[in-house]
Amino acid sequence: MNPLDINHIRLAEFLEDQTGVGRRNITQRALEEATKTIRDNERLDLVYIEDLACRRSTLPWYLPLDYALSDTNTRWAPDPHSYGTFGNLTRNGAIALSQAGHLKLFTPMVLIVAKRVR
């Protein structure tokens, strides 16, 4: 995600509204920021970090959303505070997540391994 691109900022804000994730500054959403926070912590040593959504796989993480969006029987939450087939995800939220996945602007799966420094 580019913090200088207004379209990326709008997409991030839309995802926050539609999925119920907390609001944060755009620069705090980046994987680089999480890595920097761990590296700046004197009590933690970063061992490994991987964006699991970027692993070589035949099935991308957003594929179930794409299938659900094309299925007329999928029950979507009417608002982010209600529940449907995908929990409290609205149809608009699913569309935004899927598009962000296709554009590689969003990843829901990051593996971070750190060890405590003694």
PDB file of N, CA and C in Angstrom:
ATOM      1  N   MET A   1       0.841  -1.169   0.000  1.00  0.00           N
ATOM      2  CA  MET A   1       0.000   0.000   0.000  1.00  0.00           C
ATOM      3  C   MET A   1       0.888   1.235   0.000  1.00  0.00           C
ATOM      4  N   ASN A   2       0.577   2.150  -0.871  1.00  0.00           N
ATOM      5  CA  ASN A   2       1.347   3.382  -0.983  1.00  0.00           C
ATOM      6  C   ASN A   2       0.658   4.469  -0.158  1.00  0.00           C
ATOM      7  N   PRO A   3       1.295   4.952   0.918  1.00  0.00           N
ATOM      8  CA  PRO A   3       0.668   5.970   1.756  1.00  0.00           C
ATOM      9  C   PRO A   3       0.505   7.328   1.072  1.00  0.00           C
ATOM     10  N   LEU A   4       1.078   7.495  -0.114  1.00  0.00           N
ATOM     11  CA  LEU A   4       0.943   8.753  -0.848  1.00  0.00           C
ATOM     12  C   LEU A   4      -0.135   8.684  -1.927  1.00  0.00           C
ATOM     13  N   ASP A   5      -0.658   7.501  -2.179  1.00  0.00           N
ATOM     14  CA  ASP A   5      -1.678   7.311  -3.212  1.00  0.00           C
ATOM     15  C   ASP A   5      -3.066   7.482  -2.595  1.00  0.00           C
ATOM     16  N   ILE A   6      -3.810   8.486  -3.025  1.00  0.00           N
ATOM     17  CA  ILE A   6      -5.121   8.792  -2.455  1.00  0.00           C
ATOM     18  C   ILE A   6      -6.095   7.628  -2.630  1.00  0.00           C
ATOM     19  N   ASN A   7      -5.975   6.880  -3.731  1.00  0.00           N
ATOM     20  CA  ASN A   7      -6.851   5.720  -3.933  1.00  0.00           C
ATOM     21  C   ASN A   7      -6.566   4.615  -2.923  1.00  0.00           C
ATOM     22  N   HIS A   8      -5.307   4.421  -2.564  1.00  0.00           N
ATOM     23  CA  HIS A   8      -4.953   3.433  -1.551  1.00  0.00           C
ATOM     24  C   HIS A   8      -5.486   3.869  -0.187  1.00  0.00           C
ATOM     25  N   ILE A   9      -5.386   5.154   0.104  1.00  0.00           N
ATOM     26  CA  ILE A   9      -5.893   5.678   1.374  1.00  0.00           C
ATOM     27  C   ILE A   9      -7.402   5.494   1.449  1.00  0.00           C
ATOM     28  N   ARG A  10      -8.103   5.816   0.380  1.00  0.00           N
ATOM     29  CA  ARG A  10      -9.567   5.645   0.356  1.00  0.00           C
ATOM     30  C   ARG A  10      -9.958   4.183   0.520  1.00  0.00           C
ATOM     31  N   LEU A  11      -9.239   3.291  -0.150  1.00  0.00           N
ATOM     32  CA  LEU A  11      -9.535   1.868  -0.026  1.00  0.00           C
ATOM     33  C   LEU A  11      -9.317   1.402   1.412  1.00  0.00           C
ATOM     34  N   ALA A  12      -8.237   1.840   2.036  1.00  0.00           N
ATOM     35  CA  ALA A  12      -7.966   1.454   3.425  1.00  0.00           C
ATOM     36  C   ALA A  12      -9.070   1.951   4.353  1.00  0.00           C
ATOM     37  N   GLU A  13      -9.512   3.181   4.170  1.00  0.00           N
ATOM     38  CA  GLU A  13     -10.588   3.726   5.002  1.00  0.00           C
ATOM     39  C   GLU A  13     -11.895   2.987   4.758  1.00  0.00           C
ATOM     40  N   PHE A  14     -12.173   2.631   3.507  1.00  0.00           N
ATOM     41  CA  PHE A  14     -13.383   1.881   3.186  1.00  0.00           C
ATOM     42  C   PHE A  14     -13.339   0.500   3.840  1.00  0.00           C
ATOM     43  N   LEU A  15     -12.174  -0.155   3.784  1.00  0.00           N
ATOM     44  CA  LEU A  15     -12.027  -1.460   4.433  1.00  0.00           C
ATOM     45  C   LEU A  15     -12.253  -1.348   5.938  1.00  0.00           C
ATOM     46  N   GLU A  16     -11.737  -0.292   6.544  1.00  0.00           N
ATOM     47  CA  GLU A  16     -11.953  -0.090   7.980  1.00  0.00           C
ATOM     48  C   GLU A  16     -13.436   0.039   8.291  1.00  0.00           C
ATOM     49  N   ASP A  17     -14.145   0.808   7.484  1.00  0.00           N
ATOM     50  CA  ASP A  17     -15.579   1.016   7.710  1.00  0.00           C
ATOM     51  C   ASP A  17     -16.385  -0.254   7.478  1.00  0.00           C
ATOM     52  N   GLN A  18     -16.051  -0.999   6.440  1.00  0.00           N
ATOM     53  CA  GLN A  18     -16.855  -2.159   6.046  1.00  0.00           C
ATOM     54  C   GLN A  18     -16.512  -3.437   6.805  1.00  0.00           C
ATOM     55  N   THR A  19     -15.322  -3.522   7.371  1.00  0.00           N
ATOM     56  CA  THR A  19     -14.920  -4.761   8.035  1.00  0.00           C
ATOM     57  C   THR A  19     -14.831  -4.633   9.543  1.00  0.00           C
ATOM     58  N   GLY A  20     -14.896  -3.429  10.059  1.00  0.00           N
ATOM     59  CA  GLY A  20     -14.855  -3.249  11.504  1.00  0.00           C
ATOM     60  C   GLY A  20     -13.461  -3.284  12.110  1.00  0.00           C
ATOM     61  N   VAL A  21     -12.418  -3.268  11.284  1.00  0.00           N
ATOM     62  CA  VAL A  21     -11.065  -3.210  11.847  1.00  0.00           C
ATOM     63  C   VAL A  21     -10.826  -1.805  12.375  1.00  0.00           C
ATOM     64  N   GLY A  22      -9.928  -1.676  13.326  1.00  0.00           N
ATOM     65  CA  GLY A  22      -9.685  -0.380  13.947  1.00  0.00           C
ATOM     66  C   GLY A  22      -9.057   0.633  13.014  1.00  0.00           C
ATOM     67  N   ARG A  23      -9.326   1.881  13.284  1.00  0.00           N
ATOM     68  CA  ARG A  23      -8.734   2.962  12.484  1.00  0.00           C
ATOM     69  C   ARG A  23      -7.310   3.228  12.939  1.00  0.00           C
ATOM     70  N   ARG A  24      -6.426   3.334  11.964  1.00  0.00           N
ATOM     71  CA  ARG A  24      -5.034   3.664  12.221  1.00  0.00           C
ATOM     72  C   ARG A  24      -4.525   4.567  11.115  1.00  0.00           C
ATOM     73  N   ASN A  25      -3.469   5.258  11.399  1.00  0.00           N
ATOM     74  CA  ASN A  25      -2.811   6.072  10.389  1.00  0.00           C
ATOM     75  C   ASN A  25      -2.326   5.152   9.273  1.00  0.00           C
ATOM     76  N   ILE A  26      -2.378   5.623   8.040  1.00  0.00           N
ATOM     77  CA  ILE A  26      -2.014   4.789   6.882  1.00  0.00           C
ATOM     78  C   ILE A  26      -0.602   4.233   6.991  1.00  0.00           C
ATOM     79  N   THR A  27       0.321   4.991   7.558  1.00  0.00           N
ATOM     80  CA  THR A  27       1.694   4.495   7.669  1.00  0.00           C
ATOM     81  C   THR A  27       1.808   3.383   8.704  1.00  0.00           C
ATOM     82  N   GLN A  28       0.882   3.316   9.661  1.00  0.00           N
ATOM     83  CA  GLN A  28       0.918   2.264  10.678  1.00  0.00           C
ATOM     84  C   GLN A  28       0.376   0.942  10.152  1.00  0.00           C
ATOM     85  N   ARG A  29      -0.224   0.947   8.984  1.00  0.00           N
ATOM     86  CA  ARG A  29      -0.807  -0.268   8.421  1.00  0.00           C
ATOM     87  C   ARG A  29       0.203  -1.105   7.650  1.00  0.00           C
ATOM     88  N   ALA A  30       1.351  -0.561   7.375  1.00  0.00           N
ATOM     89  CA  ALA A  30       2.321  -1.223   6.510  1.00  0.00           C
ATOM     90  C   ALA A  30       3.094  -2.307   7.257  1.00  0.00           C
ATOM     91  N   LEU A  31       3.433  -3.356   6.547  1.00  0.00           N
ATOM     92  CA  LEU A  31       4.235  -4.440   7.103  1.00  0.00           C
ATOM     93  C   LEU A  31       5.591  -3.906   7.562  1.00  0.00           C
ATOM     94  N   GLU A  32       6.113  -2.933   6.851  1.00  0.00           N
ATOM     95  CA  GLU A  32       7.396  -2.338   7.223  1.00  0.00           C
ATOM     96  C   GLU A  32       7.316  -1.693   8.607  1.00  0.00           C
ATOM     97  N   GLU A  33       6.170  -1.111   8.937  1.00  0.00           N
ATOM     98  CA  GLU A  33       5.995  -0.477  10.241  1.00  0.00           C
ATOM     99  C   GLU A  33       5.999  -1.520  11.354  1.00  0.00           C
ATOM    100  N   ALA A  34       5.351  -2.658  11.121  1.00  0.00           N
ATOM    101  CA  ALA A  34       5.359  -3.736  12.120  1.00  0.00           C
ATOM    102  C   ALA A  34       6.780  -4.253  12.328  1.00  0.00           C
ATOM    103  N   THR A  35       7.501  -4.424  11.231  1.00  0.00           N
ATOM    104  CA  THR A  35       8.885  -4.886  11.314  1.00  0.00           C
ATOM    105  C   THR A  35       9.745  -3.884  12.069  1.00  0.00           C
ATOM    106  N   LYS A  36       9.584  -2.608  11.771  1.00  0.00           N
ATOM    107  CA  LYS A  36      10.356  -1.553  12.437  1.00  0.00           C
ATOM    108  C   LYS A  36      10.058  -1.526  13.932  1.00  0.00           C
ATOM    109  N   THR A  37       8.799  -1.691  14.300  1.00  0.00           N
ATOM    110  CA  THR A  37       8.412  -1.678  15.709  1.00  0.00           C
ATOM    111  C   THR A  37       9.106  -2.795  16.473  1.00  0.00           C
ATOM    112  N   ILE A  38       9.159  -3.975  15.885  1.00  0.00           N
ATOM    113  CA  ILE A  38       9.829  -5.103  16.546  1.00  0.00           C
ATOM    114  C   ILE A  38      11.331  -4.855  16.626  1.00  0.00           C
ATOM    115  N   ARG A  39      11.911  -4.362  15.548  1.00  0.00           N
ATOM    116  CA  ARG A  39      13.364  -4.109  15.543  1.00  0.00           C
ATOM    117  C   ARG A  39      13.747  -3.013  16.532  1.00  0.00           C
ATOM    118  N   ASP A  40      12.862  -2.026  16.728  1.00  0.00           N
ATOM    119  CA  ASP A  40      13.140  -0.937  17.666  1.00  0.00           C
ATOM    120  C   ASP A  40      12.979  -1.365  19.123  1.00  0.00           C
ATOM    121  N   ASN A  41      12.296  -2.471  19.355  1.00  0.00           N
ATOM    122  CA  ASN A  41      12.092  -2.964  20.708  1.00  0.00           C
ATOM    123  C   ASN A  41      13.374  -3.647  21.172  1.00  0.00           C
ATOM    124  N   GLU A  42      13.931  -3.165  22.262  1.00  0.00           N
ATOM    125  CA  GLU A  42      15.203  -3.703  22.746  1.00  0.00           C
ATOM    126  C   GLU A  42      15.067  -5.097  23.341  1.00  0.00           C
ATOM    127  N   ARG A  43      13.843  -5.507  23.642  1.00  0.00           N
ATOM    128  CA  ARG A  43      13.639  -6.817  24.264  1.00  0.00           C
ATOM    129  C   ARG A  43      13.283  -7.910  23.259  1.00  0.00           C
ATOM    130  N   LEU A  44      13.125  -7.543  21.987  1.00  0.00           N
ATOM    131  CA  LEU A  44      12.767  -8.526  20.967  1.00  0.00           C
ATOM    132  C   LEU A  44      13.785  -8.531  19.838  1.00  0.00           C
ATOM    133  N   ASP A  45      14.054  -9.718  19.342  1.00  0.00           N
ATOM    134  CA  ASP A  45      14.940  -9.890  18.198  1.00  0.00           C
ATOM    135  C   ASP A  45      14.120 -10.530  17.082  1.00  0.00           C
ATOM    136  N   LEU A  46      13.992  -9.842  15.963  1.00  0.00           N
ATOM    137  CA  LEU A  46      13.215 -10.351  14.839  1.00  0.00           C
ATOM    138  C   LEU A  46      13.957 -11.521  14.201  1.00  0.00           C
ATOM    139  N   VAL A  47      13.285 -12.672  14.155  1.00  0.00           N
ATOM    140  CA  VAL A  47      13.890 -13.878  13.607  1.00  0.00           C
ATOM    141  C   VAL A  47      13.444 -14.105  12.171  1.00  0.00           C
ATOM    142  N   TYR A  48      12.147 -13.913  11.904  1.00  0.00           N
ATOM    143  CA  TYR A  48      11.608 -14.257  10.591  1.00  0.00           C
ATOM    144  C   TYR A  48      10.332 -13.472  10.355  1.00  0.00           C
ATOM    145  N   ILE A  49      10.132 -13.043   9.123  1.00  0.00           N
ATOM    146  CA  ILE A  49       8.885 -12.380   8.753  1.00  0.00           C
ATOM    147  C   ILE A  49       8.535 -12.799   7.325  1.00  0.00           C
ATOM    148  N   GLU A  50       7.264 -13.124   7.123  1.00  0.00           N
ATOM    149  CA  GLU A  50       6.824 -13.541   5.790  1.00  0.00           C
ATOM    150  C   GLU A  50       5.370 -13.139   5.588  1.00  0.00           C
ATOM    151  N   ASP A  51       5.101 -12.572   4.450  1.00  0.00           N
ATOM    152  CA  ASP A  51       3.730 -12.281   4.046  1.00  0.00           C
ATOM    153  C   ASP A  51       3.179 -13.568   3.444  1.00  0.00           C
ATOM    154  N   LEU A  52       2.344 -14.277   4.199  1.00  0.00           N
ATOM    155  CA  LEU A  52       1.863 -15.586   3.762  1.00  0.00           C
ATOM    156  C   LEU A  52       0.972 -15.501   2.532  1.00  0.00           C
ATOM    157  N   ALA A  53       0.374 -14.357   2.301  1.00  0.00           N
ATOM    158  CA  ALA A  53      -0.467 -14.199   1.115  1.00  0.00           C
ATOM    159  C   ALA A  53       0.368 -14.150  -0.163  1.00  0.00           C
ATOM    160  N   CYS A  54       1.672 -13.919  -0.045  1.00  0.00           N
ATOM    161  CA  CYS A  54       2.552 -13.860  -1.219  1.00  0.00           C
ATOM    162  C   CYS A  54       3.243 -15.187  -1.502  1.00  0.00           C
ATOM    163  N   ARG A  55       2.971 -16.201  -0.690  1.00  0.00           N
ATOM    164  CA  ARG A  55       3.566 -17.516  -0.952  1.00  0.00           C
ATOM    165  C   ARG A  55       3.096 -18.041  -2.294  1.00  0.00           C
ATOM    166  N   ARG A  56       3.963 -18.796  -2.933  1.00  0.00           N
ATOM    167  CA  ARG A  56       3.561 -19.422  -4.195  1.00  0.00           C
ATOM    168  C   ARG A  56       2.481 -20.447  -3.886  1.00  0.00           C
ATOM    169  N   SER A  57       1.331 -20.231  -4.457  1.00  0.00           N
ATOM    170  CA  SER A  57       0.201 -21.122  -4.223  1.00  0.00           C
ATOM    171  C   SER A  57      -0.681 -21.099  -5.457  1.00  0.00           C
ATOM    172  N   THR A  58      -1.371 -22.181  -5.670  1.00  0.00           N
ATOM    173  CA  THR A  58      -2.288 -22.217  -6.804  1.00  0.00           C
ATOM    174  C   THR A  58      -3.589 -21.499  -6.477  1.00  0.00           C
ATOM    175  N   LEU A  59      -3.877 -21.318  -5.186  1.00  0.00           N
ATOM    176  CA  LEU A  59      -5.121 -20.663  -4.773  1.00  0.00           C
ATOM    177  C   LEU A  59      -4.821 -19.412  -3.960  1.00  0.00           C
ATOM    178  N   PRO A  60      -5.186 -18.247  -4.438  1.00  0.00           N
ATOM    179  CA  PRO A  60      -4.966 -17.026  -3.661  1.00  0.00           C
ATOM    180  C   PRO A  60      -5.931 -16.957  -2.475  1.00  0.00           C
ATOM    181  N   TRP A  61      -5.566 -16.186  -1.451  1.00  0.00           N
ATOM    182  CA  TRP A  61      -6.368 -16.108  -0.229  1.00  0.00           C
ATOM    183  C   TRP A  61      -7.756 -15.541  -0.472  1.00  0.00           C
ATOM    184  N   TYR A  62      -7.924 -14.716  -1.492  1.00  0.00           N
ATOM    185  CA  TYR A  62      -9.208 -14.058  -1.737  1.00  0.00           C
ATOM    186  C   TYR A  62     -10.152 -14.891  -2.609  1.00  0.00           C
ATOM    187  N   LEU A  63      -9.725 -16.061  -3.048  1.00  0.00           N
ATOM    188  CA  LEU A  63     -10.556 -16.900  -3.910  1.00  0.00           C
ATOM    189  C   LEU A  63     -11.910 -17.265  -3.278  1.00  0.00           C
ATOM    190  N   PRO A  64     -11.974 -17.644  -1.994  1.00  0.00           N
ATOM    191  CA  PRO A  64     -13.296 -17.919  -1.406  1.00  0.00           C
ATOM    192  C   PRO A  64     -14.232 -16.713  -1.447  1.00  0.00           C
ATOM    193  N   LEU A  65     -13.680 -15.522  -1.299  1.00  0.00           N
ATOM    194  CA  LEU A  65     -14.509 -14.313  -1.408  1.00  0.00           C
ATOM    195  C   LEU A  65     -15.037 -14.153  -2.827  1.00  0.00           C
ATOM    196  N   ASP A  66     -14.185 -14.386  -3.815  1.00  0.00           N
ATOM    197  CA  ASP A  66     -14.617 -14.281  -5.212  1.00  0.00           C
ATOM    198  C   ASP A  66     -15.747 -15.262  -5.513  1.00  0.00           C
ATOM    199  N   TYR A  67     -15.607 -16.501  -5.028  1.00  0.00           N
ATOM    200  CA  TYR A  67     -16.671 -17.496  -5.232  1.00  0.00           C
ATOM    201  C   TYR A  67     -17.954 -17.065  -4.534  1.00  0.00           C
ATOM    202  N   ALA A  68     -17.830 -16.598  -3.306  1.00  0.00           N
ATOM    203  CA  ALA A  68     -19.011 -16.179  -2.546  1.00  0.00           C
ATOM    204  C   ALA A  68     -19.701 -14.988  -3.201  1.00  0.00           C
ATOM    205  N   LEU A  69     -18.920 -14.076  -3.762  1.00  0.00           N
ATOM    206  CA  LEU A  69     -19.509 -12.914  -4.428  1.00  0.00           C
ATOM    207  C   LEU A  69     -20.286 -13.312  -5.675  1.00  0.00           C
ATOM    208  N   SER A  70     -19.870 -14.395  -6.320  1.00  0.00           N
ATOM    209  CA  SER A  70     -20.582 -14.836  -7.525  1.00  0.00           C
ATOM    210  C   SER A  70     -21.754 -15.769  -7.205  1.00  0.00           C
ATOM    211  N   ASP A  71     -21.864 -16.208  -5.948  1.00  0.00           N
ATOM    212  CA  ASP A  71     -22.932 -17.120  -5.533  1.00  0.00           C
ATOM    213  C   ASP A  71     -24.109 -16.316  -4.979  1.00  0.00           C
ATOM    214  N   THR A  72     -25.263 -16.446  -5.611  1.00  0.00           N
ATOM    215  CA  THR A  72     -26.443 -15.683  -5.169  1.00  0.00           C
ATOM    216  C   THR A  72     -27.002 -16.183  -3.843  1.00  0.00           C
ATOM    217  N   ASN A  73     -26.573 -17.350  -3.379  1.00  0.00           N
ATOM    218  CA  ASN A  73     -27.068 -17.885  -2.111  1.00  0.00           C
ATOM    219  C   ASN A  73     -26.264 -17.429  -0.897  1.00  0.00           C
ATOM    220  N   THR A  74     -25.164 -16.724  -1.112  1.00  0.00           N
ATOM    221  CA  THR A  74     -24.360 -16.240   0.010  1.00  0.00           C
ATOM    222  C   THR A  74     -25.142 -15.179   0.768  1.00  0.00           C
ATOM    223  N   ARG A  75     -25.209 -15.354   2.081  1.00  0.00           N
ATOM    224  CA  ARG A  75     -25.916 -14.382   2.929  1.00  0.00           C
ATOM    225  C   ARG A  75     -24.884 -13.430   3.531  1.00  0.00           C
ATOM    226  N   TRP A  76     -24.946 -12.170   3.125  1.00  0.00           N
ATOM    227  CA  TRP A  76     -24.013 -11.155   3.616  1.00  0.00           C
ATOM    228  C   TRP A  76     -24.625 -10.426   4.795  1.00  0.00           C
ATOM    229  N   ALA A  77     -23.781  -9.953   5.685  1.00  0.00           N
ATOM    230  CA  ALA A  77     -24.259  -9.160   6.819  1.00  0.00           C
ATOM    231  C   ALA A  77     -24.826  -7.851   6.276  1.00  0.00           C
ATOM    232  N   PRO A  78     -25.984  -7.400   6.791  1.00  0.00           N
ATOM    233  CA  PRO A  78     -26.543  -6.136   6.310  1.00  0.00           C
ATOM    234  C   PRO A  78     -25.714  -4.924   6.724  1.00  0.00           C
ATOM    235  N   ASP A  79     -24.958  -5.047   7.807  1.00  0.00           N
ATOM    236  CA  ASP A  79     -24.069  -3.978   8.260  1.00  0.00           C
ATOM    237  C   ASP A  79     -22.925  -4.639   9.029  1.00  0.00           C
ATOM    238  N   PRO A  80     -21.832  -3.910   9.289  1.00  0.00           N
ATOM    239  CA  PRO A  80     -20.672  -4.521   9.956  1.00  0.00           C
ATOM    240  C   PRO A  80     -20.942  -5.014  11.377  1.00  0.00           C
ATOM    241  N   HIS A  81     -22.105  -4.698  11.943  1.00  0.00           N
ATOM    242  CA  HIS A  81     -22.419  -5.115  13.309  1.00  0.00           C
ATOM    243  C   HIS A  81     -23.359  -6.310  13.341  1.00  0.00           C
ATOM    244  N   SER A  82     -23.731  -6.853  12.186  1.00  0.00           N
ATOM    245  CA  SER A  82     -24.604  -8.021  12.081  1.00  0.00           C
ATOM    246  C   SER A  82     -23.786  -9.199  11.551  1.00  0.00           C
ATOM    247  N   TYR A  83     -24.436 -10.354  11.413  1.00  0.00           N
ATOM    248  CA  TYR A  83     -23.706 -11.543  10.966  1.00  0.00           C
ATOM    249  C   TYR A  83     -24.357 -12.203   9.771  1.00  0.00           C
ATOM    250  N   GLY A  84     -23.519 -12.768   8.909  1.00  0.00           N
ATOM    251  CA  GLY A  84     -23.964 -13.525   7.746  1.00  0.00           C
ATOM    252  C   GLY A  84     -23.051 -14.725   7.575  1.00  0.00           C
ATOM    253  N   THR A  85     -22.977 -15.271   6.373  1.00  0.00           N
ATOM    254  CA  THR A  85     -22.153 -16.444   6.090  1.00  0.00           C
ATOM    255  C   THR A  85     -20.678 -16.197   6.415  1.00  0.00           C
ATOM    256  N   PHE A  86     -20.184 -14.999   6.142  1.00  0.00           N
ATOM    257  CA  PHE A  86     -18.787 -14.641   6.393  1.00  0.00           C
ATOM    258  C   PHE A  86     -18.657 -13.787   7.650  1.00  0.00           C
ATOM    259  N   GLY A  87     -19.378 -14.130   8.687  1.00  0.00           N
ATOM    260  CA  GLY A  87     -19.322 -13.354   9.923  1.00  0.00           C
ATOM    261  C   GLY A  87     -19.979 -12.010   9.719  1.00  0.00           C
ATOM    262  N   ASN A  88     -19.314 -10.947  10.127  1.00  0.00           N
ATOM    263  CA  ASN A  88     -19.910  -9.613   9.990  1.00  0.00           C
ATOM    264  C   ASN A  88     -19.426  -8.876   8.739  1.00  0.00           C
ATOM    265  N   LEU A  89     -18.998  -9.619   7.730  1.00  0.00           N
ATOM    266  CA  LEU A  89     -18.520  -9.010   6.489  1.00  0.00           C
ATOM    267  C   LEU A  89     -19.698  -8.668   5.578  1.00  0.00           C
ATOM    268  N   THR A  90     -19.757  -7.415   5.169  1.00  0.00           N
ATOM    269  CA  THR A  90     -20.790  -6.982   4.231  1.00  0.00           C
ATOM    270  C   THR A  90     -20.354  -7.329   2.811  1.00  0.00           C
ATOM    271  N   ARG A  91     -21.299  -7.309   1.888  1.00  0.00           N
ATOM    272  CA  ARG A  91     -20.956  -7.577   0.484  1.00  0.00           C
ATOM    273  C   ARG A  91     -19.966  -6.527  -0.022  1.00  0.00           C
ATOM    274  N   ASN A  92     -20.196  -5.266   0.319  1.00  0.00           N
ATOM    275  CA  ASN A  92     -19.269  -4.208  -0.104  1.00  0.00           C
ATOM    276  C   ASN A  92     -17.879  -4.425   0.487  1.00  0.00           C
ATOM    277  N   GLY A  93     -17.828  -4.869   1.738  1.00  0.00           N
ATOM    278  CA  GLY A  93     -16.543  -5.165   2.365  1.00  0.00           C
ATOM    279  C   GLY A  93     -15.827  -6.303   1.663  1.00  0.00           C
ATOM    280  N   ALA A  94     -16.588  -7.336   1.270  1.00  0.00           N
ATOM    281  CA  ALA A  94     -16.001  -8.475   0.554  1.00  0.00           C
ATOM    282  C   ALA A  94     -15.453  -8.043  -0.802  1.00  0.00           C
ATOM    283  N   ILE A  95     -16.190  -7.188  -1.487  1.00  0.00           N
ATOM    284  CA  ILE A  95     -15.721  -6.676  -2.784  1.00  0.00           C
ATOM    285  C   ILE A  95     -14.416  -5.906  -2.602  1.00  0.00           C
ATOM    286  N   ALA A  96     -14.369  -5.041  -1.593  1.00  0.00           N
ATOM    287  CA  ALA A  96     -13.168  -4.244  -1.342  1.00  0.00           C
ATOM    288  C   ALA A  96     -11.985  -5.134  -0.965  1.00  0.00           C
ATOM    289  N   LEU A  97     -12.212  -6.130  -0.100  1.00  0.00           N
ATOM    290  CA  LEU A  97     -11.130  -7.043   0.278  1.00  0.00           C
ATOM    291  C   LEU A  97     -10.615  -7.818  -0.927  1.00  0.00           C
ATOM    292  N   SER A  98     -11.531  -8.307  -1.741  1.00  0.00           N
ATOM    293  CA  SER A  98     -11.142  -9.066  -2.925  1.00  0.00           C
ATOM    294  C   SER A  98     -10.329  -8.199  -3.889  1.00  0.00           C
ATOM    295  N   GLN A  99     -10.800  -6.988  -4.133  1.00  0.00           N
ATOM    296  CA  GLN A  99     -10.068  -6.093  -5.038  1.00  0.00           C
ATOM    297  C   GLN A  99      -8.693  -5.749  -4.480  1.00  0.00           C
ATOM    298  N   ALA A 100      -8.625  -5.497  -3.174  1.00  0.00           N
ATOM    299  CA  ALA A 100      -7.334  -5.198  -2.551  1.00  0.00           C
ATOM    300  C   ALA A 100      -6.395  -6.394  -2.666  1.00  0.00           C
ATOM    301  N   GLY A 101      -6.946  -7.598  -2.571  1.00  0.00           N
ATOM    302  CA  GLY A 101      -6.132  -8.802  -2.739  1.00  0.00           C
ATOM    303  C   GLY A 101      -5.622  -8.955  -4.157  1.00  0.00           C
ATOM    304  N   HIS A 102      -6.500  -8.732  -5.122  1.00  0.00           N
ATOM    305  CA  HIS A 102      -6.089  -8.825  -6.528  1.00  0.00           C
ATOM    306  C   HIS A 102      -4.986  -7.816  -6.843  1.00  0.00           C
ATOM    307  N   LEU A 103      -5.067  -6.634  -6.247  1.00  0.00           N
ATOM    308  CA  LEU A 103      -4.080  -5.581  -6.500  1.00  0.00           C
ATOM    309  C   LEU A 103      -2.858  -5.683  -5.588  1.00  0.00           C
ATOM    310  N   LYS A 104      -2.873  -6.671  -4.680  1.00  0.00           N
ATOM    311  CA  LYS A 104      -1.793  -6.875  -3.705  1.00  0.00           C
ATOM    312  C   LYS A 104      -1.580  -5.647  -2.816  1.00  0.00           C
ATOM    313  N   LEU A 105      -2.688  -5.005  -2.432  1.00  0.00           N
ATOM    314  CA  LEU A 105      -2.633  -3.851  -1.544  1.00  0.00           C
ATOM    315  C   LEU A 105      -2.934  -4.232  -0.099  1.00  0.00           C
ATOM    316  N   PHE A 106      -3.402  -5.445   0.102  1.00  0.00           N
ATOM    317  CA  PHE A 106      -3.827  -5.867   1.430  1.00  0.00           C
ATOM    318  C   PHE A 106      -3.463  -7.327   1.614  1.00  0.00           C
ATOM    319  N   THR A 107      -2.984  -7.654   2.788  1.00  0.00           N
ATOM    320  CA  THR A 107      -2.720  -9.048   3.123  1.00  0.00           C
ATOM    321  C   THR A 107      -3.291  -9.342   4.501  1.00  0.00           C
ATOM    322  N   PRO A 108      -4.054 -10.407   4.625  1.00  0.00           N
ATOM    323  CA  PRO A 108      -4.599 -10.744   5.932  1.00  0.00           C
ATOM    324  C   PRO A 108      -3.707 -11.705   6.721  1.00  0.00           C
ATOM    325  N   MET A 109      -2.595 -12.131   6.117  1.00  0.00           N
ATOM    326  CA  MET A 109      -1.806 -13.187   6.746  1.00  0.00           C
ATOM    327  C   MET A 109      -0.323 -12.856   6.739  1.00  0.00           C
ATOM    328  N   VAL A 110       0.185 -12.522   7.906  1.00  0.00           N
ATOM    329  CA  VAL A 110       1.605 -12.242   8.044  1.00  0.00           C
ATOM    330  C   VAL A 110       2.139 -13.095   9.189  1.00  0.00           C
ATOM    331  N   LEU A 111       3.240 -13.761   8.950  1.00  0.00           N
ATOM    332  CA  LEU A 111       3.891 -14.561   9.981  1.00  0.00           C
ATOM    333  C   LEU A 111       5.110 -13.787  10.465  1.00  0.00           C
ATOM    334  N   ILE A 112       5.114 -13.469  11.748  1.00  0.00           N
ATOM    335  CA  ILE A 112       6.243 -12.765  12.355  1.00  0.00           C
ATOM    336  C   ILE A 112       6.736 -13.612  13.520  1.00  0.00           C
ATOM    337  N   VAL A 113       8.014 -13.947  13.494  1.00  0.00           N
ATOM    338  CA  VAL A 113       8.618 -14.706  14.584  1.00  0.00           C
ATOM    339  C   VAL A 113       9.689 -13.822  15.211  1.00  0.00           C
ATOM    340  N   ALA A 114       9.583 -13.644  16.508  1.00  0.00           N
ATOM    341  CA  ALA A 114      10.570 -12.864  17.246  1.00  0.00           C
ATOM    342  C   ALA A 114      10.915 -13.629  18.518  1.00  0.00           C
ATOM    343  N   LYS A 115      12.116 -13.420  19.016  1.00  0.00           N
ATOM    344  CA  LYS A 115      12.482 -14.057  20.282  1.00  0.00           C
ATOM    345  C   LYS A 115      12.863 -12.982  21.286  1.00  0.00           C
ATOM    346  N   ARG A 116      12.612 -13.309  22.523  1.00  0.00           N
ATOM    347  CA  ARG A 116      12.925 -12.371  23.593  1.00  0.00           C
ATOM    348  C   ARG A 116      14.434 -12.357  23.821  1.00  0.00           C
ATOM    349  N   VAL A 117      14.991 -11.173  23.926  1.00  0.00           N
ATOM    350  CA  VAL A 117      16.415 -11.012  24.192  1.00  0.00           C
ATOM    351  C   VAL A 117      16.602 -11.033  25.702  1.00  0.00           C
ATOM    352  N   ARG A 118      17.555 -11.802  26.154  1.00  0.00           N
ATOM    353  CA  ARG A 118      17.781 -11.904  27.619  1.00  0.00           C
ATOM    354  C   ARG A 118      18.869 -10.983  28.055  1.00  0.00           C
TER     355      ARG A 118
END
